[in-house]
Protein backbone atom coordinates (compact mmCIF):
# COMPACT_ATOMS: atom_id res chain seq x y z
CA MET A 1 -3.06 56.47 -4.04
CA SER A 2 -5.99 56.75 -1.77
CA THR A 3 -9.00 54.65 -0.96
CA LYS A 4 -11.17 57.25 -2.69
CA GLU A 5 -9.26 56.71 -5.93
CA LEU A 6 -9.77 52.97 -5.57
CA ILE A 7 -13.49 53.44 -5.05
CA ASP A 8 -13.66 55.78 -8.04
CA SER A 9 -11.93 53.21 -10.24
CA ILE A 10 -14.31 50.50 -9.00
CA TYR A 11 -17.25 52.76 -9.80
CA SER A 12 -15.91 53.44 -13.30
CA GLY A 13 -15.40 49.72 -13.87
CA ASN A 14 -11.84 50.06 -15.16
CA SER A 15 -10.25 46.80 -14.02
CA THR A 16 -6.71 47.94 -14.82
CA GLU A 17 -7.08 51.04 -12.63
CA ILE A 18 -8.70 48.97 -9.89
CA ASP A 19 -5.77 46.55 -9.89
CA ASP A 20 -3.16 49.33 -9.99
CA ASN A 21 -4.84 51.37 -7.23
CA PHE A 22 -5.31 48.34 -4.98
CA ASN A 23 -1.72 47.20 -5.43
CA GLN A 24 -0.37 50.69 -4.73
CA ILE A 25 -2.44 50.96 -1.54
CA MET A 26 -1.14 47.57 -0.35
CA VAL A 27 2.47 48.51 -1.19
CA ASN A 28 2.09 51.70 0.86
CA LYS A 29 0.61 49.86 3.84
CA VAL A 30 3.31 47.19 3.83
CA SER A 31 6.02 49.82 3.47
CA GLU A 32 4.65 51.82 6.42
CA LYS A 33 4.51 48.69 8.59
CA LEU A 34 8.07 47.70 7.66
CA ASP A 35 9.31 51.19 8.55
CA ILE A 36 7.67 50.91 11.97
CA MET A 37 9.19 47.46 12.49
CA ARG A 38 12.66 48.72 11.44
CA GLN A 39 12.44 51.60 13.92
CA ASP A 40 11.37 49.26 16.71
CA LEU A 41 14.17 46.84 15.91
CA SER A 42 16.80 49.58 15.81
CA GLN A 43 15.63 50.98 19.16
CA ASN A 44 15.71 47.59 20.87
CA MET A 45 18.61 45.88 19.13
CA PHE A 46 21.20 46.43 21.85
CA ARG A 47 18.90 46.52 24.84
CA PHE A 48 19.84 43.82 27.27
CA PRO A 49 17.03 41.96 29.01
CA LYS A 50 16.57 42.32 32.73
CA ALA A 51 16.81 39.36 35.10
CA GLU A 52 13.04 39.52 35.67
CA ASP A 53 12.52 38.74 31.99
CA PHE A 54 14.07 35.32 32.55
CA ALA A 55 12.11 34.42 35.68
CA PRO A 56 10.60 30.95 35.32
CA GLU A 57 6.86 30.84 34.92
CA PRO A 58 4.96 28.96 37.62
CA GLU A 59 4.03 25.45 36.57
CA GLU A 60 0.37 24.65 36.16
CA SER A 61 -0.86 21.94 38.45
CA GLU A 62 -2.42 19.03 36.65
CA SER A 63 -5.65 17.62 38.00
CA ALA A 64 -5.35 14.10 39.40
CA GLU A 65 -7.40 11.48 37.59
């Protein structure tokens, strides 16, 4: 499904096609994002953090009242 098909179904006024096209576009987008997240997770799963990653952040000084 493409955005053009969604627009065409909106133009034709067929609510069933609009719903089906929209849902298919959303399913495709979510699926693509999940694939990207899976790849990122698999690449970084066994990477051990460096010592610098655990360095404490400097504390913010509070203004005296």
